[in-house]
Structures are given as C-alpha cells and as structure tokens.
Amino acid sequence: MYRFIPDLLGDGNMRVRLGATALLEELAVEHRSELRTAVPGLIELLKHENPTIRGDAASALSIIKDPSVVDALQTCLQDDHPDVREAAREALLELGH
C-alpha cells in the first residue's frame, strides 16, 4: 500500500494531502524502510504542475529520509517557485546535505 502514498499526496484536495502527510509521519516511525517503495512516485511529484504538491513531495521525501533522493531535491533548488525551493532546502538539511 505504500506505493499509493504519492497518489494521495498528488491529490487536488488539500485535506487528502494533509491526511497523507500525517499518515506518512506515523508510518515513518516503524515502517521507514517500507516507505521507500513510495520514493519513485514522490520524485515524480517533484515535477507536478502545482507548486504546493511539489513542495509537499519534497517534505514527504525528507520524512522518509532515503539518501537516494538528494539529486532530485537538489534539482528542486532551481524551481521557479520560492516555496518549492525552500521545501527542497529544508528536506536536504533534514537529510544532512
């Protein structure tokens, strides 16, 4: 089911995204390794047309703490939207970069 997290975070409804983020935070406590199956979909969301979803995806990747996402987050530092750049910066700091 972890692979469906990107679908929830990419939903147009803000309440769905908030719930997905809360779920992600809870799952990260005991199921962080399983959450890595969501990483490819979350990386795809970093290219979403909606900057809020791009920023949410960056934040979600910081929760999962998979070091393989560093390059994708660094690319977001060049995003047109300042909130996305800030979310990417914060995610990279969370990952130790």
PDB file of N, CA and C in Angstrom:
ATOM      1  N   MET A   1       0.798  -1.196   0.000  1.00  0.00           N
ATOM      2  CA  MET A   1       0.000   0.000   0.000  1.00  0.00           C
ATOM      3  C   MET A   1       0.846   1.268   0.000  1.00  0.00           C
ATOM      4  N   TYR A   2       2.097   1.149   0.372  1.00  0.00           N
ATOM      5  CA  TYR A   2       2.964   2.318   0.462  1.00  0.00           C
ATOM      6  C   TYR A   2       3.104   3.015  -0.888  1.00  0.00           C
ATOM      7  N   ARG A   3       3.008   2.257  -1.955  1.00  0.00           N
ATOM      8  CA  ARG A   3       3.178   2.846  -3.282  1.00  0.00           C
ATOM      9  C   ARG A   3       2.039   3.788  -3.661  1.00  0.00           C
ATOM     10  N   PHE A   4       0.938   3.771  -2.893  1.00  0.00           N
ATOM     11  CA  PHE A   4      -0.187   4.661  -3.171  1.00  0.00           C
ATOM     12  C   PHE A   4      -0.039   6.027  -2.496  1.00  0.00           C
ATOM     13  N   ILE A   5       0.948   6.185  -1.654  1.00  0.00           N
ATOM     14  CA  ILE A   5       1.153   7.458  -0.962  1.00  0.00           C
ATOM     15  C   ILE A   5       1.353   8.613  -1.949  1.00  0.00           C
ATOM     16  N   PRO A   6       2.138   8.447  -3.016  1.00  0.00           N
ATOM     17  CA  PRO A   6       2.259   9.556  -3.974  1.00  0.00           C
ATOM     18  C   PRO A   6       0.919   9.949  -4.595  1.00  0.00           C
ATOM     19  N   ASP A   7       0.044   8.988  -4.833  1.00  0.00           N
ATOM     20  CA  ASP A   7      -1.277   9.321  -5.370  1.00  0.00           C
ATOM     21  C   ASP A   7      -2.041  10.217  -4.407  1.00  0.00           C
ATOM     22  N   LEU A   8      -1.949   9.910  -3.124  1.00  0.00           N
ATOM     23  CA  LEU A   8      -2.642  10.713  -2.116  1.00  0.00           C
ATOM     24  C   LEU A   8      -2.017  12.103  -2.001  1.00  0.00           C
ATOM     25  N   LEU A   9      -0.694  12.163  -2.031  1.00  0.00           N
ATOM     26  CA  LEU A   9      -0.024  13.462  -1.927  1.00  0.00           C
ATOM     27  C   LEU A   9      -0.192  14.302  -3.188  1.00  0.00           C
ATOM     28  N   GLY A  10      -0.524  13.675  -4.290  1.00  0.00           N
ATOM     29  CA  GLY A  10      -0.752  14.397  -5.536  1.00  0.00           C
ATOM     30  C   GLY A  10      -2.207  14.763  -5.765  1.00  0.00           C
ATOM     31  N   ASP A  11      -3.055  14.428  -4.817  1.00  0.00           N
ATOM     32  CA  ASP A  11      -4.488  14.711  -4.942  1.00  0.00           C
ATOM     33  C   ASP A  11      -4.744  16.217  -4.897  1.00  0.00           C
ATOM     34  N   GLY A  12      -5.743  16.643  -5.629  1.00  0.00           N
ATOM     35  CA  GLY A  12      -6.097  18.055  -5.666  1.00  0.00           C
ATOM     36  C   GLY A  12      -6.736  18.564  -4.387  1.00  0.00           C
ATOM     37  N   ASN A  13      -7.229  17.664  -3.553  1.00  0.00           N
ATOM     38  CA  ASN A  13      -7.905  18.040  -2.318  1.00  0.00           C
ATOM     39  C   ASN A  13      -6.873  18.204  -1.193  1.00  0.00           C
ATOM     40  N   MET A  14      -6.846  19.382  -0.614  1.00  0.00           N
ATOM     41  CA  MET A  14      -5.866  19.667   0.426  1.00  0.00           C
ATOM     42  C   MET A  14      -6.032  18.752   1.635  1.00  0.00           C
ATOM     43  N   ARG A  15      -7.247  18.394   1.983  1.00  0.00           N
ATOM     44  CA  ARG A  15      -7.471  17.520   3.136  1.00  0.00           C
ATOM     45  C   ARG A  15      -6.880  16.131   2.904  1.00  0.00           C
ATOM     46  N   VAL A  16      -6.964  15.656   1.681  1.00  0.00           N
ATOM     47  CA  VAL A  16      -6.368  14.356   1.352  1.00  0.00           C
ATOM     48  C   VAL A  16      -4.854  14.434   1.519  1.00  0.00           C
ATOM     49  N   ARG A  17      -4.261  15.529   1.026  1.00  0.00           N
ATOM     50  CA  ARG A  17      -2.803  15.687   1.148  1.00  0.00           C
ATOM     51  C   ARG A  17      -2.373  15.800   2.598  1.00  0.00           C
ATOM     52  N   LEU A  18      -3.135  16.540   3.399  1.00  0.00           N
ATOM     53  CA  LEU A  18      -2.801  16.660   4.818  1.00  0.00           C
ATOM     54  C   LEU A  18      -2.886  15.307   5.521  1.00  0.00           C
ATOM     55  N   GLY A  19      -3.921  14.555   5.202  1.00  0.00           N
ATOM     56  CA  GLY A  19      -4.064  13.225   5.796  1.00  0.00           C
ATOM     57  C   GLY A  19      -2.942  12.300   5.379  1.00  0.00           C
ATOM     58  N   ALA A  20      -2.550  12.388   4.118  1.00  0.00           N
ATOM     59  CA  ALA A  20      -1.458  11.549   3.626  1.00  0.00           C
ATOM     60  C   ALA A  20      -0.144  11.912   4.321  1.00  0.00           C
ATOM     61  N   THR A  21       0.070  13.190   4.552  1.00  0.00           N
ATOM     62  CA  THR A  21       1.287  13.614   5.244  1.00  0.00           C
ATOM     63  C   THR A  21       1.289  13.107   6.685  1.00  0.00           C
ATOM     64  N   ALA A  22       0.142  13.199   7.343  1.00  0.00           N
ATOM     65  CA  ALA A  22       0.037  12.693   8.722  1.00  0.00           C
ATOM     66  C   ALA A  22       0.281  11.187   8.753  1.00  0.00           C
ATOM     67  N   LEU A  23      -0.287  10.483   7.788  1.00  0.00           N
ATOM     68  CA  LEU A  23      -0.077   9.039   7.697  1.00  0.00           C
ATOM     69  C   LEU A  23       1.399   8.730   7.484  1.00  0.00           C
ATOM     70  N   LEU A  24       2.020   9.464   6.604  1.00  0.00           N
ATOM     71  CA  LEU A  24       3.438   9.272   6.309  1.00  0.00           C
ATOM     72  C   LEU A  24       4.283   9.469   7.565  1.00  0.00           C
ATOM     73  N   GLU A  25       3.985  10.495   8.334  1.00  0.00           N
ATOM     74  CA  GLU A  25       4.740  10.752   9.565  1.00  0.00           C
ATOM     75  C   GLU A  25       4.580   9.603  10.563  1.00  0.00           C
ATOM     76  N   GLU A  26       3.380   9.066  10.663  1.00  0.00           N
ATOM     77  CA  GLU A  26       3.145   7.938  11.560  1.00  0.00           C
ATOM     78  C   GLU A  26       3.865   6.684  11.081  1.00  0.00           C
ATOM     79  N   LEU A  27       3.778   6.406   9.799  1.00  0.00           N
ATOM     80  CA  LEU A  27       4.410   5.209   9.247  1.00  0.00           C
ATOM     81  C   LEU A  27       5.930   5.274   9.331  1.00  0.00           C
ATOM     82  N   ALA A  28       6.477   6.473   9.264  1.00  0.00           N
ATOM     83  CA  ALA A  28       7.937   6.626   9.287  1.00  0.00           C
ATOM     84  C   ALA A  28       8.538   6.176  10.613  1.00  0.00           C
ATOM     85  N   VAL A  29       7.735   6.157  11.652  1.00  0.00           N
ATOM     86  CA  VAL A  29       8.242   5.756  12.969  1.00  0.00           C
ATOM     87  C   VAL A  29       8.683   4.294  12.960  1.00  0.00           C
ATOM     88  N   GLU A  30       7.866   3.410  12.402  1.00  0.00           N
ATOM     89  CA  GLU A  30       8.172   1.978  12.456  1.00  0.00           C
ATOM     90  C   GLU A  30       8.308   1.305  11.092  1.00  0.00           C
ATOM     91  N   HIS A  31       7.998   2.033  10.022  1.00  0.00           N
ATOM     92  CA  HIS A  31       7.982   1.402   8.701  1.00  0.00           C
ATOM     93  C   HIS A  31       8.761   2.213   7.665  1.00  0.00           C
ATOM     94  N   ARG A  32       9.803   2.895   8.098  1.00  0.00           N
ATOM     95  CA  ARG A  32      10.559   3.759   7.191  1.00  0.00           C
ATOM     96  C   ARG A  32      11.096   2.994   5.977  1.00  0.00           C
ATOM     97  N   SER A  33      11.610   1.801   6.177  1.00  0.00           N
ATOM     98  CA  SER A  33      12.185   1.061   5.045  1.00  0.00           C
ATOM     99  C   SER A  33      11.114   0.692   4.024  1.00  0.00           C
ATOM    100  N   GLU A  34       9.918   0.354   4.477  1.00  0.00           N
ATOM    101  CA  GLU A  34       8.831   0.022   3.556  1.00  0.00           C
ATOM    102  C   GLU A  34       8.372   1.255   2.772  1.00  0.00           C
ATOM    103  N   LEU A  35       8.488   2.422   3.383  1.00  0.00           N
ATOM    104  CA  LEU A  35       8.074   3.658   2.723  1.00  0.00           C
ATOM    105  C   LEU A  35       8.924   3.964   1.500  1.00  0.00           C
ATOM    106  N   ARG A  36      10.085   3.343   1.415  1.00  0.00           N
ATOM    107  CA  ARG A  36      10.948   3.601   0.254  1.00  0.00           C
ATOM    108  C   ARG A  36      10.289   3.198  -1.061  1.00  0.00           C
ATOM    109  N   THR A  37       9.283   2.341  -1.008  1.00  0.00           N
ATOM    110  CA  THR A  37       8.571   1.991  -2.251  1.00  0.00           C
ATOM    111  C   THR A  37       7.795   3.186  -2.797  1.00  0.00           C
ATOM    112  N   ALA A  38       7.552   4.194  -1.965  1.00  0.00           N
ATOM    113  CA  ALA A  38       6.849   5.399  -2.407  1.00  0.00           C
ATOM    114  C   ALA A  38       7.792   6.424  -3.039  1.00  0.00           C
ATOM    115  N   VAL A  39       9.089   6.249  -2.861  1.00  0.00           N
ATOM    116  CA  VAL A  39      10.060   7.246  -3.310  1.00  0.00           C
ATOM    117  C   VAL A  39       9.980   7.545  -4.812  1.00  0.00           C
ATOM    118  N   PRO A  40       9.934   6.564  -5.706  1.00  0.00           N
ATOM    119  CA  PRO A  40       9.867   6.913  -7.134  1.00  0.00           C
ATOM    120  C   PRO A  40       8.659   7.789  -7.486  1.00  0.00           C
ATOM    121  N   GLY A  41       7.517   7.467  -6.915  1.00  0.00           N
ATOM    122  CA  GLY A  41       6.328   8.285  -7.173  1.00  0.00           C
ATOM    123  C   GLY A  41       6.441   9.681  -6.601  1.00  0.00           C
ATOM    124  N   LEU A  42       7.066   9.800  -5.435  1.00  0.00           N
ATOM    125  CA  LEU A  42       7.262  11.116  -4.831  1.00  0.00           C
ATOM    126  C   LEU A  42       8.244  11.960  -5.648  1.00  0.00           C
ATOM    127  N   ILE A  43       9.262  11.320  -6.195  1.00  0.00           N
ATOM    128  CA  ILE A  43      10.197  12.042  -7.060  1.00  0.00           C
ATOM    129  C   ILE A  43       9.467  12.569  -8.292  1.00  0.00           C
ATOM    130  N   GLU A  44       8.556  11.792  -8.826  1.00  0.00           N
ATOM    131  CA  GLU A  44       7.753  12.258  -9.962  1.00  0.00           C
ATOM    132  C   GLU A  44       6.909  13.465  -9.579  1.00  0.00           C
ATOM    133  N   LEU A  45       6.396  13.484  -8.351  1.00  0.00           N
ATOM    134  CA  LEU A  45       5.595  14.627  -7.900  1.00  0.00           C
ATOM    135  C   LEU A  45       6.415  15.909  -7.808  1.00  0.00           C
ATOM    136  N   LEU A  46       7.723  15.798  -7.720  1.00  0.00           N
ATOM    137  CA  LEU A  46       8.568  16.995  -7.709  1.00  0.00           C
ATOM    138  C   LEU A  46       8.473  17.760  -9.031  1.00  0.00           C
ATOM    139  N   LYS A  47       7.885  17.124 -10.052  1.00  0.00           N
ATOM    140  CA  LYS A  47       7.711  17.751 -11.369  1.00  0.00           C
ATOM    141  C   LYS A  47       6.257  18.161 -11.614  1.00  0.00           C
ATOM    142  N   HIS A  48       5.402  18.011 -10.626  1.00  0.00           N
ATOM    143  CA  HIS A  48       3.977  18.310 -10.769  1.00  0.00           C
ATOM    144  C   HIS A  48       3.774  19.784 -11.130  1.00  0.00           C
ATOM    145  N   GLU A  49       2.721  20.078 -11.859  1.00  0.00           N
ATOM    146  CA  GLU A  49       2.449  21.465 -12.259  1.00  0.00           C
ATOM    147  C   GLU A  49       2.086  22.359 -11.074  1.00  0.00           C
ATOM    148  N   ASN A  50       1.555  21.767 -10.012  1.00  0.00           N
ATOM    149  CA  ASN A  50       1.142  22.529  -8.835  1.00  0.00           C
ATOM    150  C   ASN A  50       2.331  22.672  -7.876  1.00  0.00           C
ATOM    151  N   PRO A  51       2.773  23.905  -7.601  1.00  0.00           N
ATOM    152  CA  PRO A  51       3.931  24.071  -6.727  1.00  0.00           C
ATOM    153  C   PRO A  51       3.686  23.593  -5.293  1.00  0.00           C
ATOM    154  N   THR A  52       2.450  23.647  -4.834  1.00  0.00           N
ATOM    155  CA  THR A  52       2.147  23.149  -3.490  1.00  0.00           C
ATOM    156  C   THR A  52       2.408  21.659  -3.413  1.00  0.00           C
ATOM    157  N   ILE A  53       2.023  20.934  -4.442  1.00  0.00           N
ATOM    158  CA  ILE A  53       2.255  19.485  -4.480  1.00  0.00           C
ATOM    159  C   ILE A  53       3.743  19.195  -4.598  1.00  0.00           C
ATOM    160  N   ARG A  54       4.468  19.990  -5.372  1.00  0.00           N
ATOM    161  CA  ARG A  54       5.918  19.800  -5.467  1.00  0.00           C
ATOM    162  C   ARG A  54       6.569  19.987  -4.102  1.00  0.00           C
ATOM    163  N   GLY A  55       6.157  21.025  -3.385  1.00  0.00           N
ATOM    164  CA  GLY A  55       6.710  21.272  -2.057  1.00  0.00           C
ATOM    165  C   GLY A  55       6.337  20.182  -1.073  1.00  0.00           C
ATOM    166  N   ASP A  56       5.090  19.704  -1.146  1.00  0.00           N
ATOM    167  CA  ASP A  56       4.664  18.612  -0.276  1.00  0.00           C
ATOM    168  C   ASP A  56       5.474  17.344  -0.545  1.00  0.00           C
ATOM    169  N   ALA A  57       5.772  17.101  -1.817  1.00  0.00           N
ATOM    170  CA  ALA A  57       6.564  15.921  -2.172  1.00  0.00           C
ATOM    171  C   ALA A  57       7.975  16.031  -1.598  1.00  0.00           C
ATOM    172  N   ALA A  58       8.558  17.216  -1.663  1.00  0.00           N
ATOM    173  CA  ALA A  58       9.888  17.414  -1.087  1.00  0.00           C
ATOM    174  C   ALA A  58       9.858  17.163   0.417  1.00  0.00           C
ATOM    175  N   SER A  59       8.839  17.671   1.067  1.00  0.00           N
ATOM    176  CA  SER A  59       8.710  17.453   2.515  1.00  0.00           C
ATOM    177  C   SER A  59       8.522  15.972   2.830  1.00  0.00           C
ATOM    178  N   ALA A  60       7.726  15.290   2.027  1.00  0.00           N
ATOM    179  CA  ALA A  60       7.497  13.862   2.242  1.00  0.00           C
ATOM    180  C   ALA A  60       8.798  13.077   2.097  1.00  0.00           C
ATOM    181  N   LEU A  61       9.595  13.454   1.127  1.00  0.00           N
ATOM    182  CA  LEU A  61      10.875  12.774   0.940  1.00  0.00           C
ATOM    183  C   LEU A  61      11.798  12.986   2.138  1.00  0.00           C
ATOM    184  N   SER A  62      11.688  14.137   2.768  1.00  0.00           N
ATOM    185  CA  SER A  62      12.525  14.367   3.959  1.00  0.00           C
ATOM    186  C   SER A  62      12.065  13.501   5.122  1.00  0.00           C
ATOM    187  N   ILE A  63      10.783  13.187   5.170  1.00  0.00           N
ATOM    188  CA  ILE A  63      10.261  12.323   6.236  1.00  0.00           C
ATOM    189  C   ILE A  63      10.774  10.894   6.063  1.00  0.00           C
ATOM    190  N   ILE A  64      10.828  10.441   4.829  1.00  0.00           N
ATOM    191  CA  ILE A  64      11.273   9.074   4.542  1.00  0.00           C
ATOM    192  C   ILE A  64      12.778   8.931   4.771  1.00  0.00           C
ATOM    193  N   LYS A  65      13.514  10.011   4.524  1.00  0.00           N
ATOM    194  CA  LYS A  65      14.963  10.039   4.769  1.00  0.00           C
ATOM    195  C   LYS A  65      15.753   9.018   3.940  1.00  0.00           C
ATOM    196  N   ASP A  66      15.377   8.871   2.694  1.00  0.00           N
ATOM    197  CA  ASP A  66      16.108   7.981   1.791  1.00  0.00           C
ATOM    198  C   ASP A  66      17.197   8.808   1.104  1.00  0.00           C
ATOM    199  N   PRO A  67      18.468   8.475   1.312  1.00  0.00           N
ATOM    200  CA  PRO A  67      19.547   9.281   0.733  1.00  0.00           C
ATOM    201  C   PRO A  67      19.568   9.284  -0.793  1.00  0.00           C
ATOM    202  N   SER A  68      18.858   8.390  -1.430  1.00  0.00           N
ATOM    203  CA  SER A  68      18.852   8.341  -2.891  1.00  0.00           C
ATOM    204  C   SER A  68      18.108   9.524  -3.517  1.00  0.00           C
ATOM    205  N   VAL A  69      17.434  10.343  -2.722  1.00  0.00           N
ATOM    206  CA  VAL A  69      16.623  11.436  -3.263  1.00  0.00           C
ATOM    207  C   VAL A  69      17.376  12.762  -3.321  1.00  0.00           C
ATOM    208  N   VAL A  70      18.621  12.769  -2.886  1.00  0.00           N
ATOM    209  CA  VAL A  70      19.374  14.027  -2.795  1.00  0.00           C
ATOM    210  C   VAL A  70      19.454  14.728  -4.148  1.00  0.00           C
ATOM    211  N   ASP A  71      19.780  14.021  -5.214  1.00  0.00           N
ATOM    212  CA  ASP A  71      19.903  14.658  -6.534  1.00  0.00           C
ATOM    213  C   ASP A  71      18.584  15.277  -6.977  1.00  0.00           C
ATOM    214  N   ALA A  72      17.484  14.561  -6.769  1.00  0.00           N
ATOM    215  CA  ALA A  72      16.175  15.081  -7.159  1.00  0.00           C
ATOM    216  C   ALA A  72      15.830  16.338  -6.368  1.00  0.00           C
ATOM    217  N   LEU A  73      16.150  16.343  -5.081  1.00  0.00           N
ATOM    218  CA  LEU A  73      15.878  17.524  -4.264  1.00  0.00           C
ATOM    219  C   LEU A  73      16.786  18.695  -4.656  1.00  0.00           C
ATOM    220  N   GLN A  74      18.024  18.394  -5.005  1.00  0.00           N
ATOM    221  CA  GLN A  74      18.926  19.466  -5.432  1.00  0.00           C
ATOM    222  C   GLN A  74      18.424  20.125  -6.715  1.00  0.00           C
ATOM    223  N   THR A  75      17.816  19.351  -7.590  1.00  0.00           N
ATOM    224  CA  THR A  75      17.226  19.909  -8.801  1.00  0.00           C
ATOM    225  C   THR A  75      16.123  20.901  -8.447  1.00  0.00           C
ATOM    226  N   CYS A  76      15.387  20.607  -7.380  1.00  0.00           N
ATOM    227  CA  CYS A  76      14.288  21.488  -6.951  1.00  0.00           C
ATOM    228  C   CYS A  76      14.785  22.825  -6.418  1.00  0.00           C
ATOM    229  N   LEU A  77      16.057  22.922  -6.111  1.00  0.00           N
ATOM    230  CA  LEU A  77      16.605  24.206  -5.659  1.00  0.00           C
ATOM    231  C   LEU A  77      16.563  25.245  -6.775  1.00  0.00           C
ATOM    232  N   GLN A  78      16.334  24.788  -8.014  1.00  0.00           N
ATOM    233  CA  GLN A  78      16.225  25.685  -9.169  1.00  0.00           C
ATOM    234  C   GLN A  78      14.771  25.908  -9.587  1.00  0.00           C
ATOM    235  N   ASP A  79      13.818  25.423  -8.802  1.00  0.00           N
ATOM    236  CA  ASP A  79      12.401  25.547  -9.136  1.00  0.00           C
ATOM    237  C   ASP A  79      12.011  27.025  -9.268  1.00  0.00           C
ATOM    238  N   ASP A  80      11.025  27.283 -10.104  1.00  0.00           N
ATOM    239  CA  ASP A  80      10.544  28.647 -10.308  1.00  0.00           C
ATOM    240  C   ASP A  80       9.830  29.209  -9.077  1.00  0.00           C
ATOM    241  N   HIS A  81       9.304  28.332  -8.247  1.00  0.00           N
ATOM    242  CA  HIS A  81       8.505  28.779  -7.107  1.00  0.00           C
ATOM    243  C   HIS A  81       9.352  28.810  -5.831  1.00  0.00           C
ATOM    244  N   PRO A  82       9.352  29.932  -5.109  1.00  0.00           N
ATOM    245  CA  PRO A  82      10.199  30.032  -3.912  1.00  0.00           C
ATOM    246  C   PRO A  82       9.825  29.045  -2.801  1.00  0.00           C
ATOM    247  N   ASP A  83       8.550  28.702  -2.679  1.00  0.00           N
ATOM    248  CA  ASP A  83       8.154  27.750  -1.637  1.00  0.00           C
ATOM    249  C   ASP A  83       8.696  26.353  -1.913  1.00  0.00           C
ATOM    250  N   VAL A  84       8.772  25.997  -3.182  1.00  0.00           N
ATOM    251  CA  VAL A  84       9.332  24.692  -3.552  1.00  0.00           C
ATOM    252  C   VAL A  84      10.827  24.682  -3.262  1.00  0.00           C
ATOM    253  N   ARG A  85      11.500  25.761  -3.601  1.00  0.00           N
ATOM    254  CA  ARG A  85      12.936  25.850  -3.311  1.00  0.00           C
ATOM    255  C   ARG A  85      13.178  25.735  -1.811  1.00  0.00           C
ATOM    256  N   GLU A  86      12.350  26.402  -1.016  1.00  0.00           N
ATOM    257  CA  GLU A  86      12.503  26.347   0.442  1.00  0.00           C
ATOM    258  C   GLU A  86      12.237  24.946   0.976  1.00  0.00           C
ATOM    259  N   ALA A  87      11.205  24.281   0.470  1.00  0.00           N
ATOM    260  CA  ALA A  87      10.910  22.910   0.910  1.00  0.00           C
ATOM    261  C   ALA A  87      12.058  21.978   0.557  1.00  0.00           C
ATOM    262  N   ALA A  88      12.646  22.167  -0.623  1.00  0.00           N
ATOM    263  CA  ALA A  88      13.787  21.342  -1.034  1.00  0.00           C
ATOM    264  C   ALA A  88      14.996  21.606  -0.136  1.00  0.00           C
ATOM    265  N   ARG A  89      15.251  22.877   0.188  1.00  0.00           N
ATOM    266  CA  ARG A  89      16.365  23.228   1.076  1.00  0.00           C
ATOM    267  C   ARG A  89      16.183  22.566   2.437  1.00  0.00           C
ATOM    268  N   GLU A  90      14.979  22.668   2.977  1.00  0.00           N
ATOM    269  CA  GLU A  90      14.704  22.076   4.285  1.00  0.00           C
ATOM    270  C   GLU A  90      14.848  20.551   4.243  1.00  0.00           C
ATOM    271  N   ALA A  91      14.376  19.938   3.154  1.00  0.00           N
ATOM    272  CA  ALA A  91      14.485  18.488   3.017  1.00  0.00           C
ATOM    273  C   ALA A  91      15.952  18.065   2.948  1.00  0.00           C
ATOM    274  N   LEU A  92      16.746  18.806   2.196  1.00  0.00           N
ATOM    275  CA  LEU A  92      18.172  18.487   2.087  1.00  0.00           C
ATOM    276  C   LEU A  92      18.875  18.637   3.437  1.00  0.00           C
ATOM    277  N   LEU A  93      18.521  19.652   4.186  1.00  0.00           N
ATOM    278  CA  LEU A  93      19.093  19.815   5.525  1.00  0.00           C
ATOM    279  C   LEU A  93      18.706  18.652   6.419  1.00  0.00           C
ATOM    280  N   GLU A  94      17.455  18.216   6.310  1.00  0.00           N
ATOM    281  CA  GLU A  94      16.979  17.077   7.096  1.00  0.00           C
ATOM    282  C   GLU A  94      17.766  15.807   6.755  1.00  0.00           C
ATOM    283  N   LEU A  95      18.182  15.725   5.496  1.00  0.00           N
ATOM    284  CA  LEU A  95      18.961  14.577   5.045  1.00  0.00           C
ATOM    285  C   LEU A  95      20.458  14.751   5.282  1.00  0.00           C
ATOM    286  N   GLY A  96      20.838  15.876   5.866  1.00  0.00           N
ATOM    287  CA  GLY A  96      22.251  16.114   6.161  1.00  0.00           C
ATOM    288  C   GLY A  96      23.053  16.687   5.032  1.00  0.00           C
ATOM    289  N   HIS A  97      22.388  17.362   4.094  1.00  0.00           N
ATOM    290  CA  HIS A  97      23.100  17.982   2.941  1.00  0.00           C
ATOM    291  C   HIS A  97      22.881  19.466   2.910  1.00  0.00           C
TER     292      HIS A  97
END
